[in-house]
Amino acid sequence: MREKEKLKCPVCDTKFIPRTFYPEEAIFSTSDGKKLSGFNGYISSSGVKPTEVVLSTWITYCPSCNYVLKFVKEIVKKEKIQTQSTLGKDIKEKYNNYYYGFQFEDYSQYLQDISEQVKSTIETSLKNLNLSAFENMHDIKETFKLLVRFYANLENYCNSQFTEEIDKDLKDKIKLLDLSPDLEEILLELNEIRDKTIHSDYELSDEDKLKVNRAVTGFMLNRIEKHIKPLINGKKLKNKYNYVDIQDLNSEIKIYLNEYFKNIFNNGRAANDQIKNFLEQLLVHEI
C-alpha cells in the first residue's frame, strides 16, 4: 500500500498531518444532469444514491498559521453497463464501481498505524523474553506452593541467563540480575524464608504472604521493563515518528500493555495497583 502523503501548507510551508478533515459540503451529480448539494445523496448498504457521482468538499487547517485548506474528494463513480445474455433475449443492467482514495490521512489514522508498528515490536520483544514459566503463577492460591514454585522457576531462569554461574548459590545469582535494590532485598529475604518453611516448622505470616505476591509480580515487571523500555523511549520515538504526539502514543502503548498484563497476572487489587504504578513510571518520557 502506498504511504499516505503529508500535507504542506501553501502559506508557511509547514508539513503536517491534520488532526481531522471536516466535511464542508457535498455535491451530487445525478444521471439526468441534476446537481444536489448538502448531504441528500449518500452511500447506503444497497448502493450509492444518487447512482452516478458523489463529490464532497473537505476542509482542514494548518496548525502553524491556521490557514484553511479545502479539498474535493471523489468517493464513488458508478457507470451503467448493459450486457446481453447468450440467448439473445435478456439484456441485463449492472454497475461498475470505482473508488478514488484520498491521498492524505488524518491524525487518527496516522496514530493507529504508528501504534500498530510499536506494539508489534513490543510483542516480538516480549515473546523473546520468554517468561512463560512465570505467567499466571497467581493461579496458585496456596502461598507456600506459590513461593516454592516461584523460586524453582527463578533458579531455572537464572541458570538460563548465567550459564557459567550454575554452581553458585541462588542468592548470588539473584544479585547478578541487576534488580532494583528493593526487589533484590525482598527476593533475598524470601529465599531465606523459603528455606525455613522447607526445613523447619516455620509458617508464613500475613506480611510474608504479601511479600510473596509482590515479589512474583515485581520480578515479572522488572524483567519486562528492562526488555522493552529502550523500545518506548520518548525521545527515540519522537525522532522516528516526528508527526505523532508522544502522549497519545503512550496512551496506546499503555492500553496494549495493560491488556497484556491482564492475561498473565491474576492477583486482585494489589497487583493491579502495582501494575498501574509500573505503567506510570515506565511511560514517563523526556522531550
C-alpha atoms as a PDB file:
ATOM      1  CA  MET A   1       0.000   0.000   0.000  1.00  0.00           C
ATOM      2  CA  ARG A   2       1.358   3.426  -0.945  1.00  0.00           C
ATOM      3  CA  GLU A   3       2.262   5.600   2.018  1.00  0.00           C
ATOM      4  CA  LYS A   4      -0.130   8.441   2.648  1.00  0.00           C
ATOM      5  CA  GLU A   5       1.150  11.896   1.811  1.00  0.00           C
ATOM      6  CA  LYS A   6       1.783  14.604   4.399  1.00  0.00           C
ATOM      7  CA  LEU A   7       0.128  17.970   3.834  1.00  0.00           C
ATOM      8  CA  LYS A   8       2.211  21.059   3.134  1.00  0.00           C
ATOM      9  CA  CYS A   9       0.784  24.446   3.911  1.00  0.00           C
ATOM     10  CA  PRO A  10       0.951  26.706   0.809  1.00  0.00           C
ATOM     11  CA  VAL A  11       1.368  29.769   3.030  1.00  0.00           C
ATOM     12  CA  CYS A  12       4.024  28.860   5.613  1.00  0.00           C
ATOM     13  CA  ASP A  13       5.382  25.611   4.055  1.00  0.00           C
ATOM     14  CA  THR A  14       4.809  23.616   7.255  1.00  0.00           C
ATOM     15  CA  LYS A  15       4.425  19.857   6.673  1.00  0.00           C
ATOM     16  CA  PHE A  16       1.835  18.276   8.930  1.00  0.00           C
ATOM     17  CA  ILE A  17      -0.829  15.623   9.416  1.00  0.00           C
ATOM     18  CA  PRO A  18      -4.247  17.214  10.075  1.00  0.00           C
ATOM     19  CA  ARG A  19      -5.976  16.375  13.317  1.00  0.00           C
ATOM     20  CA  THR A  20      -9.037  15.695  11.173  1.00  0.00           C
ATOM     21  CA  PHE A  21     -10.829  16.667   7.954  1.00  0.00           C
ATOM     22  CA  TYR A  22     -14.202  18.388   8.290  1.00  0.00           C
ATOM     23  CA  PRO A  23     -16.924  17.863   5.652  1.00  0.00           C
ATOM     24  CA  GLU A  24     -17.987  21.279   4.377  1.00  0.00           C
ATOM     25  CA  GLU A  25     -20.358  20.470   1.541  1.00  0.00           C
ATOM     26  CA  ALA A  26     -21.222  17.604  -0.773  1.00  0.00           C
ATOM     27  CA  ILE A  27     -22.301  17.955  -4.395  1.00  0.00           C
ATOM     28  CA  PHE A  28     -24.004  15.018  -6.084  1.00  0.00           C
ATOM     29  CA  SER A  29     -24.349  14.641  -9.839  1.00  0.00           C
ATOM     30  CA  THR A  30     -27.296  12.508 -10.896  1.00  0.00           C
ATOM     31  CA  SER A  31     -27.601  10.561 -14.145  1.00  0.00           C
ATOM     32  CA  ASP A  32     -30.030  13.129 -15.581  1.00  0.00           C
ATOM     33  CA  GLY A  33     -27.579  16.003 -15.060  1.00  0.00           C
ATOM     34  CA  LYS A  34     -29.086  17.487 -11.888  1.00  0.00           C
ATOM     35  CA  LYS A  35     -26.935  18.691  -9.027  1.00  0.00           C
ATOM     36  CA  LEU A  36     -27.811  18.048  -5.401  1.00  0.00           C
ATOM     37  CA  SER A  37     -25.910  19.872  -2.677  1.00  0.00           C
ATOM     38  CA  GLY A  38     -25.707  19.143   1.003  1.00  0.00           C
ATOM     39  CA  PHE A  39     -25.924  15.534   2.131  1.00  0.00           C
ATOM     40  CA  ASN A  40     -29.087  14.430   0.346  1.00  0.00           C
ATOM     41  CA  GLY A  41     -27.057  11.881  -1.574  1.00  0.00           C
ATOM     42  CA  TYR A  42     -25.373   9.166   0.454  1.00  0.00           C
ATOM     43  CA  ILE A  43     -23.824   5.717   0.365  1.00  0.00           C
ATOM     44  CA  SER A  44     -26.054   3.022   1.795  1.00  0.00           C
ATOM     45  CA  SER A  45     -25.814  -0.756   2.128  1.00  0.00           C
ATOM     46  CA  SER A  46     -27.829  -1.104  -1.065  1.00  0.00           C
ATOM     47  CA  GLY A  47     -25.556   1.151  -3.105  1.00  0.00           C
ATOM     48  CA  VAL A  48     -24.886   4.771  -3.898  1.00  0.00           C
ATOM     49  CA  LYS A  49     -27.759   7.229  -4.008  1.00  0.00           C
ATOM     50  CA  PRO A  50     -27.810   9.072  -6.386  1.00  0.00           C
ATOM     51  CA  THR A  51     -26.289   6.448  -8.622  1.00  0.00           C
ATOM     52  CA  GLU A  52     -23.705   8.320 -10.664  1.00  0.00           C
ATOM     53  CA  VAL A  53     -21.224  10.523  -8.790  1.00  0.00           C
ATOM     54  CA  VAL A  54     -20.669  11.609  -5.207  1.00  0.00           C
ATOM     55  CA  LEU A  55     -18.312  14.514  -4.582  1.00  0.00           C
ATOM     56  CA  SER A  56     -17.562  16.070  -1.234  1.00  0.00           C
ATOM     57  CA  THR A  57     -15.616  19.104  -0.052  1.00  0.00           C
ATOM     58  CA  TRP A  58     -13.396  18.659   2.990  1.00  0.00           C
ATOM     59  CA  ILE A  59     -11.530  21.324   4.935  1.00  0.00           C
ATOM     60  CA  THR A  60      -8.716  21.328   7.433  1.00  0.00           C
ATOM     61  CA  TYR A  61      -6.302  23.947   8.740  1.00  0.00           C
ATOM     62  CA  CYS A  62      -2.564  24.422   9.188  1.00  0.00           C
ATOM     63  CA  PRO A  63      -1.571  24.010  12.865  1.00  0.00           C
ATOM     64  CA  SER A  64       1.212  26.561  12.391  1.00  0.00           C
ATOM     65  CA  CYS A  65      -0.511  29.533  10.731  1.00  0.00           C
ATOM     66  CA  ASN A  66      -4.194  28.438  10.819  1.00  0.00           C
ATOM     67  CA  TYR A  67      -4.577  28.753   7.057  1.00  0.00           C
ATOM     68  CA  VAL A  68      -7.707  26.880   5.904  1.00  0.00           C
ATOM     69  CA  LEU A  69      -7.163  24.261   3.195  1.00  0.00           C
ATOM     70  CA  LYS A  70     -10.001  22.815   1.100  1.00  0.00           C
ATOM     71  CA  PHE A  71     -10.099  19.535  -0.838  1.00  0.00           C
ATOM     72  CA  VAL A  72     -12.539  17.894  -3.210  1.00  0.00           C
ATOM     73  CA  LYS A  73     -12.712  14.147  -2.855  1.00  0.00           C
ATOM     74  CA  GLU A  74     -14.484  11.958  -5.402  1.00  0.00           C
ATOM     75  CA  ILE A  75     -15.754   8.986  -3.416  1.00  0.00           C
ATOM     76  CA  VAL A  76     -17.591   6.743  -5.871  1.00  0.00           C
ATOM     77  CA  LYS A  77     -18.397   6.767  -9.535  1.00  0.00           C
ATOM     78  CA  LYS A  78     -20.929   4.283 -10.932  1.00  0.00           C
ATOM     79  CA  GLU A  79     -21.397   3.597 -14.624  1.00  0.00           C
ATOM     80  CA  LYS A  80     -24.330   1.677 -16.029  1.00  0.00           C
ATOM     81  CA  ILE A  81     -23.344  -1.173 -18.387  1.00  0.00           C
ATOM     82  CA  GLN A  82     -25.713  -3.230 -20.495  1.00  0.00           C
ATOM     83  CA  THR A  83     -24.848  -6.849 -21.232  1.00  0.00           C
ATOM     84  CA  GLN A  84     -26.713  -9.293 -23.454  1.00  0.00           C
ATOM     85  CA  SER A  85     -27.112 -12.946 -22.461  1.00  0.00           C
ATOM     86  CA  THR A  86     -26.060 -15.808 -24.713  1.00  0.00           C
ATOM     87  CA  LEU A  87     -29.703 -16.480 -25.535  1.00  0.00           C
ATOM     88  CA  GLY A  88     -30.003 -13.022 -27.087  1.00  0.00           C
ATOM     89  CA  LYS A  89     -33.209 -12.278 -25.240  1.00  0.00           C
ATOM     90  CA  ASP A  90     -32.337 -10.787 -21.883  1.00  0.00           C
ATOM     91  CA  ILE A  91     -30.496  -7.506 -21.595  1.00  0.00           C
ATOM     92  CA  LYS A  92     -29.100  -7.116 -18.092  1.00  0.00           C
ATOM     93  CA  GLU A  93     -28.052  -3.889 -16.427  1.00  0.00           C
ATOM     94  CA  LYS A  94     -25.210  -3.688 -13.946  1.00  0.00           C
ATOM     95  CA  TYR A  95     -22.957  -1.032 -12.494  1.00  0.00           C
ATOM     96  CA  ASN A  96     -19.195  -0.759 -12.331  1.00  0.00           C
ATOM     97  CA  ASN A  97     -17.958   0.661  -9.032  1.00  0.00           C
ATOM     98  CA  TYR A  98     -14.851   2.793  -8.722  1.00  0.00           C
ATOM     99  CA  TYR A  99     -13.266   4.120  -5.550  1.00  0.00           C
ATOM    100  CA  TYR A 100     -10.978   7.108  -5.617  1.00  0.00           C
ATOM    101  CA  GLY A 101      -8.928   7.084  -2.447  1.00  0.00           C
ATOM    102  CA  PHE A 102      -7.930  10.216  -0.590  1.00  0.00           C
ATOM    103  CA  GLN A 103      -4.136  10.580  -0.720  1.00  0.00           C
ATOM    104  CA  PHE A 104      -3.971  12.313   2.648  1.00  0.00           C
ATOM    105  CA  GLU A 105      -4.519  10.784   6.088  1.00  0.00           C
ATOM    106  CA  ASP A 106      -5.719  12.392   9.258  1.00  0.00           C
ATOM    107  CA  TYR A 107      -4.005  12.170  12.631  1.00  0.00           C
ATOM    108  CA  SER A 108      -6.139   9.319  13.990  1.00  0.00           C
ATOM    109  CA  GLN A 109      -5.161   7.129  11.017  1.00  0.00           C
ATOM    110  CA  TYR A 110      -1.506   8.057  11.396  1.00  0.00           C
ATOM    111  CA  LEU A 111      -1.572   7.362  15.152  1.00  0.00           C
ATOM    112  CA  GLN A 112      -3.228   3.981  14.585  1.00  0.00           C
ATOM    113  CA  ASP A 113      -0.590   2.947  12.037  1.00  0.00           C
ATOM    114  CA  ILE A 114       2.301   4.045  14.258  1.00  0.00           C
ATOM    115  CA  SER A 115       0.756   2.379  17.326  1.00  0.00           C
ATOM    116  CA  GLU A 116       0.483  -0.925  15.473  1.00  0.00           C
ATOM    117  CA  GLN A 117       4.140  -0.727  14.464  1.00  0.00           C
ATOM    118  CA  VAL A 118       5.306  -0.023  18.025  1.00  0.00           C
ATOM    119  CA  LYS A 119       3.026  -2.669  19.561  1.00  0.00           C
ATOM    120  CA  SER A 120       4.268  -5.256  17.076  1.00  0.00           C
ATOM    121  CA  THR A 121       7.856  -4.505  18.119  1.00  0.00           C
ATOM    122  CA  ILE A 122       6.923  -4.797  21.806  1.00  0.00           C
ATOM    123  CA  GLU A 123       5.051  -8.056  21.211  1.00  0.00           C
ATOM    124  CA  THR A 124       8.070  -9.598  19.482  1.00  0.00           C
ATOM    125  CA  SER A 125      10.310  -8.433  22.310  1.00  0.00           C
ATOM    126  CA  LEU A 126       8.029  -9.926  24.965  1.00  0.00           C
ATOM    127  CA  LYS A 127       7.999 -13.260  23.160  1.00  0.00           C
ATOM    128  CA  ASN A 128      11.799 -13.256  23.049  1.00  0.00           C
ATOM    129  CA  LEU A 129      11.879 -12.514  26.776  1.00  0.00           C
ATOM    130  CA  ASN A 130      10.427 -15.991  27.363  1.00  0.00           C
ATOM    131  CA  LEU A 131       8.914 -15.564  30.826  1.00  0.00           C
ATOM    132  CA  SER A 132       6.197 -18.132  30.161  1.00  0.00           C
ATOM    133  CA  ALA A 133       7.189 -20.161  33.251  1.00  0.00           C
ATOM    134  CA  PHE A 134       6.148 -17.209  35.446  1.00  0.00           C
ATOM    135  CA  GLU A 135       2.872 -16.382  33.703  1.00  0.00           C
ATOM    136  CA  ASN A 136      -0.353 -16.977  35.631  1.00  0.00           C
ATOM    137  CA  MET A 137       1.594 -18.003  38.735  1.00  0.00           C
ATOM    138  CA  HIS A 138      -1.027 -16.266  40.837  1.00  0.00           C
ATOM    139  CA  ASP A 139      -3.415 -19.031  39.844  1.00  0.00           C
ATOM    140  CA  ILE A 140      -1.617 -20.974  42.616  1.00  0.00           C
ATOM    141  CA  LYS A 141      -3.775 -19.977  45.563  1.00  0.00           C
ATOM    142  CA  GLU A 142      -1.709 -21.513  48.386  1.00  0.00           C
ATOM    143  CA  THR A 143       1.088 -19.051  49.137  1.00  0.00           C
ATOM    144  CA  PHE A 144       3.605 -21.688  50.259  1.00  0.00           C
ATOM    145  CA  LYS A 145       3.239 -23.589  46.973  1.00  0.00           C
ATOM    146  CA  LEU A 146       3.487 -20.301  45.083  1.00  0.00           C
ATOM    147  CA  LEU A 147       6.692 -19.453  46.950  1.00  0.00           C
ATOM    148  CA  VAL A 148       8.316 -22.825  46.222  1.00  0.00           C
ATOM    149  CA  ARG A 149       7.259 -22.830  42.558  1.00  0.00           C
ATOM    150  CA  PHE A 150       8.409 -19.258  42.032  1.00  0.00           C
ATOM    151  CA  TYR A 151      11.911 -19.912  43.360  1.00  0.00           C
ATOM    152  CA  ALA A 152      12.233 -23.126  41.383  1.00  0.00           C
ATOM    153  CA  ASN A 153      11.371 -21.166  38.215  1.00  0.00           C
ATOM    154  CA  LEU A 154      13.619 -18.301  39.318  1.00  0.00           C
ATOM    155  CA  GLU A 155      16.624 -20.600  39.658  1.00  0.00           C
ATOM    156  CA  ASN A 156      15.961 -22.122  36.229  1.00  0.00           C
ATOM    157  CA  TYR A 157      15.677 -18.630  34.777  1.00  0.00           C
ATOM    158  CA  CYS A 158      18.969 -17.537  36.374  1.00  0.00           C
ATOM    159  CA  ASN A 159      20.687 -20.668  35.068  1.00  0.00           C
ATOM    160  CA  SER A 160      19.488 -19.844  31.549  1.00  0.00           C
ATOM    161  CA  GLN A 161      20.824 -16.292  31.862  1.00  0.00           C
ATOM    162  CA  PHE A 162      24.124 -17.058  33.607  1.00  0.00           C
ATOM    163  CA  THR A 163      25.275 -20.411  32.264  1.00  0.00           C
ATOM    164  CA  GLU A 164      28.743 -20.025  33.764  1.00  0.00           C
ATOM    165  CA  GLU A 165      27.333 -19.386  37.245  1.00  0.00           C
ATOM    166  CA  ILE A 166      25.146 -22.503  37.592  1.00  0.00           C
ATOM    167  CA  ASP A 167      27.116 -23.846  40.564  1.00  0.00           C
ATOM    168  CA  LYS A 168      26.659 -20.657  42.602  1.00  0.00           C
ATOM    169  CA  ASP A 169      24.031 -20.283  45.329  1.00  0.00           C
ATOM    170  CA  LEU A 170      20.698 -18.808  44.269  1.00  0.00           C
ATOM    171  CA  LYS A 171      21.302 -15.669  46.375  1.00  0.00           C
ATOM    172  CA  ASP A 172      24.442 -14.960  44.331  1.00  0.00           C
ATOM    173  CA  LYS A 173      22.531 -15.462  41.081  1.00  0.00           C
ATOM    174  CA  ILE A 174      19.812 -13.075  42.256  1.00  0.00           C
ATOM    175  CA  LYS A 175      22.462 -10.380  42.758  1.00  0.00           C
ATOM    176  CA  LEU A 176      23.560 -10.844  39.145  1.00  0.00           C
ATOM    177  CA  LEU A 177      20.077  -9.969  37.831  1.00  0.00           C
ATOM    178  CA  ASP A 178      20.641  -6.219  38.306  1.00  0.00           C
ATOM    179  CA  LEU A 179      17.301  -5.724  40.034  1.00  0.00           C
ATOM    180  CA  SER A 180      16.123  -2.629  41.857  1.00  0.00           C
ATOM    181  CA  PRO A 181      17.512  -2.535  45.440  1.00  0.00           C
ATOM    182  CA  ASP A 182      14.064  -3.036  46.989  1.00  0.00           C
ATOM    183  CA  LEU A 183      13.199  -6.013  44.785  1.00  0.00           C
ATOM    184  CA  GLU A 184      16.585  -7.641  45.317  1.00  0.00           C
ATOM    185  CA  GLU A 185      16.197  -7.271  49.078  1.00  0.00           C
ATOM    186  CA  ILE A 186      12.735  -8.884  49.026  1.00  0.00           C
ATOM    187  CA  LEU A 187      13.902 -11.782  46.838  1.00  0.00           C
ATOM    188  CA  LEU A 188      16.893 -12.480  49.095  1.00  0.00           C
ATOM    189  CA  GLU A 189      14.714 -12.290  52.202  1.00  0.00           C
ATOM    190  CA  LEU A 190      12.043 -14.603  50.761  1.00  0.00           C
ATOM    191  CA  ASN A 191      14.734 -17.051  49.680  1.00  0.00           C
ATOM    192  CA  GLU A 192      15.739 -17.431  53.342  1.00  0.00           C
ATOM    193  CA  ILE A 193      12.077 -17.722  54.363  1.00  0.00           C
ATOM    194  CA  ARG A 194      11.576 -20.446  51.743  1.00  0.00           C
ATOM    195  CA  ASP A 195      14.469 -22.432  53.267  1.00  0.00           C
ATOM    196  CA  LYS A 196      12.905 -22.044  56.715  1.00  0.00           C
ATOM    197  CA  THR A 197       9.484 -23.248  55.567  1.00  0.00           C
ATOM    198  CA  ILE A 198      11.008 -26.288  53.828  1.00  0.00           C
ATOM    199  CA  HIS A 199      13.453 -27.344  56.546  1.00  0.00           C
ATOM    200  CA  SER A 200      11.607 -26.300  59.714  1.00  0.00           C
ATOM    201  CA  ASP A 201       8.135 -25.681  61.108  1.00  0.00           C
ATOM    202  CA  TYR A 202       8.194 -22.014  60.108  1.00  0.00           C
ATOM    203  CA  GLU A 203       4.799 -20.762  58.920  1.00  0.00           C
ATOM    204  CA  LEU A 204       4.325 -17.840  56.606  1.00  0.00           C
ATOM    205  CA  SER A 205       2.976 -14.697  58.264  1.00  0.00           C
ATOM    206  CA  ASP A 206       0.446 -12.400  56.599  1.00  0.00           C
ATOM    207  CA  GLU A 207       3.304  -9.988  55.849  1.00  0.00           C
ATOM    208  CA  ASP A 208       5.315 -12.818  54.284  1.00  0.00           C
ATOM    209  CA  LYS A 209       2.367 -13.704  52.064  1.00  0.00           C
ATOM    210  CA  LEU A 210       2.065 -10.098  50.865  1.00  0.00           C
ATOM    211  CA  LYS A 211       5.780 -10.061  50.067  1.00  0.00           C
ATOM    212  CA  VAL A 212       5.479 -13.275  48.054  1.00  0.00           C
ATOM    213  CA  ASN A 213       2.747 -11.803  45.869  1.00  0.00           C
ATOM    214  CA  ARG A 214       4.660  -8.544  45.457  1.00  0.00           C
ATOM    215  CA  ALA A 215       7.852 -10.426  44.589  1.00  0.00           C
ATOM    216  CA  VAL A 216       6.217 -12.547  41.882  1.00  0.00           C
ATOM    217  CA  THR A 217       4.603  -9.547  40.199  1.00  0.00           C
ATOM    218  CA  GLY A 218       7.604  -7.289  40.804  1.00  0.00           C
ATOM    219  CA  PHE A 219      10.072  -9.712  39.250  1.00  0.00           C
ATOM    220  CA  MET A 220       7.987 -10.073  36.093  1.00  0.00           C
ATOM    221  CA  LEU A 221       7.563  -6.311  35.756  1.00  0.00           C
ATOM    222  CA  ASN A 222      11.272  -5.737  36.290  1.00  0.00           C
ATOM    223  CA  ARG A 223      12.252  -8.146  33.505  1.00  0.00           C
ATOM    224  CA  ILE A 224       9.653  -6.654  31.169  1.00  0.00           C
ATOM    225  CA  GLU A 225      10.813  -3.102  31.898  1.00  0.00           C
ATOM    226  CA  LYS A 226      14.464  -3.835  31.119  1.00  0.00           C
ATOM    227  CA  HIS A 227      13.473  -5.581  27.909  1.00  0.00           C
ATOM    228  CA  ILE A 228      11.052  -3.071  26.396  1.00  0.00           C
ATOM    229  CA  LYS A 229      11.994   0.290  27.916  1.00  0.00           C
ATOM    230  CA  PRO A 230      14.530   1.036  25.136  1.00  0.00           C
ATOM    231  CA  LEU A 231      11.748   0.402  22.602  1.00  0.00           C
ATOM    232  CA  ILE A 232       9.429   3.060  24.034  1.00  0.00           C
ATOM    233  CA  ASN A 233      11.947   5.775  24.829  1.00  0.00           C
ATOM    234  CA  GLY A 234      10.121   9.053  24.247  1.00  0.00           C
ATOM    235  CA  LYS A 235      12.999  10.829  22.500  1.00  0.00           C
ATOM    236  CA  LYS A 236      13.682   7.935  20.154  1.00  0.00           C
ATOM    237  CA  LEU A 237      10.011   7.572  19.251  1.00  0.00           C
ATOM    238  CA  LYS A 238       9.686  11.311  18.668  1.00  0.00           C
ATOM    239  CA  ASN A 239      12.712  11.291  16.355  1.00  0.00           C
ATOM    240  CA  LYS A 240      11.378   8.292  14.438  1.00  0.00           C
ATOM    241  CA  TYR A 241       7.734   9.416  14.243  1.00  0.00           C
ATOM    242  CA  ASN A 242       8.025  13.191  14.262  1.00  0.00           C
ATOM    243  CA  TYR A 243       4.344  13.836  13.471  1.00  0.00           C
ATOM    244  CA  VAL A 244       2.973  11.969  16.484  1.00  0.00           C
ATOM    245  CA  ASP A 245       2.198  13.353  19.943  1.00  0.00           C
ATOM    246  CA  ILE A 246       4.157  11.110  22.354  1.00  0.00           C
ATOM    247  CA  GLN A 247       1.441  11.383  24.987  1.00  0.00           C
ATOM    248  CA  ASP A 248      -1.075   9.976  22.500  1.00  0.00           C
ATOM    249  CA  LEU A 249       1.293   7.151  21.594  1.00  0.00           C
ATOM    250  CA  ASN A 250       1.965   6.440  25.268  1.00  0.00           C
ATOM    251  CA  SER A 251      -1.767   6.078  25.850  1.00  0.00           C
ATOM    252  CA  GLU A 252      -1.988   3.476  23.087  1.00  0.00           C
ATOM    253  CA  ILE A 253       1.040   1.610  24.498  1.00  0.00           C
ATOM    254  CA  LYS A 254      -0.454   1.706  27.995  1.00  0.00           C
ATOM    255  CA  ILE A 255      -3.729   0.186  26.766  1.00  0.00           C
ATOM    256  CA  TYR A 256      -1.819  -2.586  24.988  1.00  0.00           C
ATOM    257  CA  LEU A 257       0.434  -3.394  27.982  1.00  0.00           C
ATOM    258  CA  ASN A 258      -2.453  -3.256  30.428  1.00  0.00           C
ATOM    259  CA  GLU A 259      -4.280  -5.882  28.357  1.00  0.00           C
ATOM    260  CA  TYR A 260      -1.109  -7.974  28.173  1.00  0.00           C
ATOM    261  CA  PHE A 261      -0.721  -7.861  31.958  1.00  0.00           C
ATOM    262  CA  LYS A 262      -4.336  -8.888  32.457  1.00  0.00           C
ATOM    263  CA  ASN A 263      -3.563 -12.084  30.575  1.00  0.00           C
ATOM    264  CA  ILE A 264      -0.523 -13.035  32.674  1.00  0.00           C
ATOM    265  CA  PHE A 265      -1.439 -11.706  36.137  1.00  0.00           C
ATOM    266  CA  ASN A 266      -4.443 -12.540  38.253  1.00  0.00           C
ATOM    267  CA  ASN A 267      -3.946 -11.279  41.759  1.00  0.00           C
ATOM    268  CA  GLY A 268      -6.668  -8.791  42.593  1.00  0.00           C
ATOM    269  CA  ARG A 269      -6.326  -5.141  43.543  1.00  0.00           C
ATOM    270  CA  ALA A 270      -2.794  -5.324  44.979  1.00  0.00           C
ATOM    271  CA  ALA A 271      -1.294  -6.498  41.686  1.00  0.00           C
ATOM    272  CA  ASN A 272      -3.468  -4.068  39.733  1.00  0.00           C
ATOM    273  CA  ASP A 273      -2.134  -1.137  41.781  1.00  0.00           C
ATOM    274  CA  GLN A 274       1.407  -2.441  41.318  1.00  0.00           C
ATOM    275  CA  ILE A 275       0.895  -2.668  37.556  1.00  0.00           C
ATOM    276  CA  LYS A 276      -0.716   0.789  37.405  1.00  0.00           C
ATOM    277  CA  ASN A 277       2.243   2.390  39.166  1.00  0.00           C
ATOM    278  CA  PHE A 278       4.613   0.448  36.955  1.00  0.00           C
ATOM    279  CA  LEU A 279       2.978   1.732  33.764  1.00  0.00           C
ATOM    280  CA  GLU A 280       3.027   5.327  35.002  1.00  0.00           C
ATOM    281  CA  GLN A 281       6.764   5.101  35.647  1.00  0.00           C
ATOM    282  CA  LEU A 282       7.546   3.109  32.521  1.00  0.00           C
ATOM    283  CA  LEU A 283       5.942   5.627  30.181  1.00  0.00           C
ATOM    284  CA  VAL A 284       7.483   8.751  31.680  1.00  0.00           C
ATOM    285  CA  HIS A 285       9.193  10.480  28.776  1.00  0.00           C
ATOM    286  CA  GLU A 286      11.570  13.345  28.216  1.00  0.00           C
ATOM    287  CA  ILE A 287      11.308  15.518  25.141  1.00  0.00           C
END
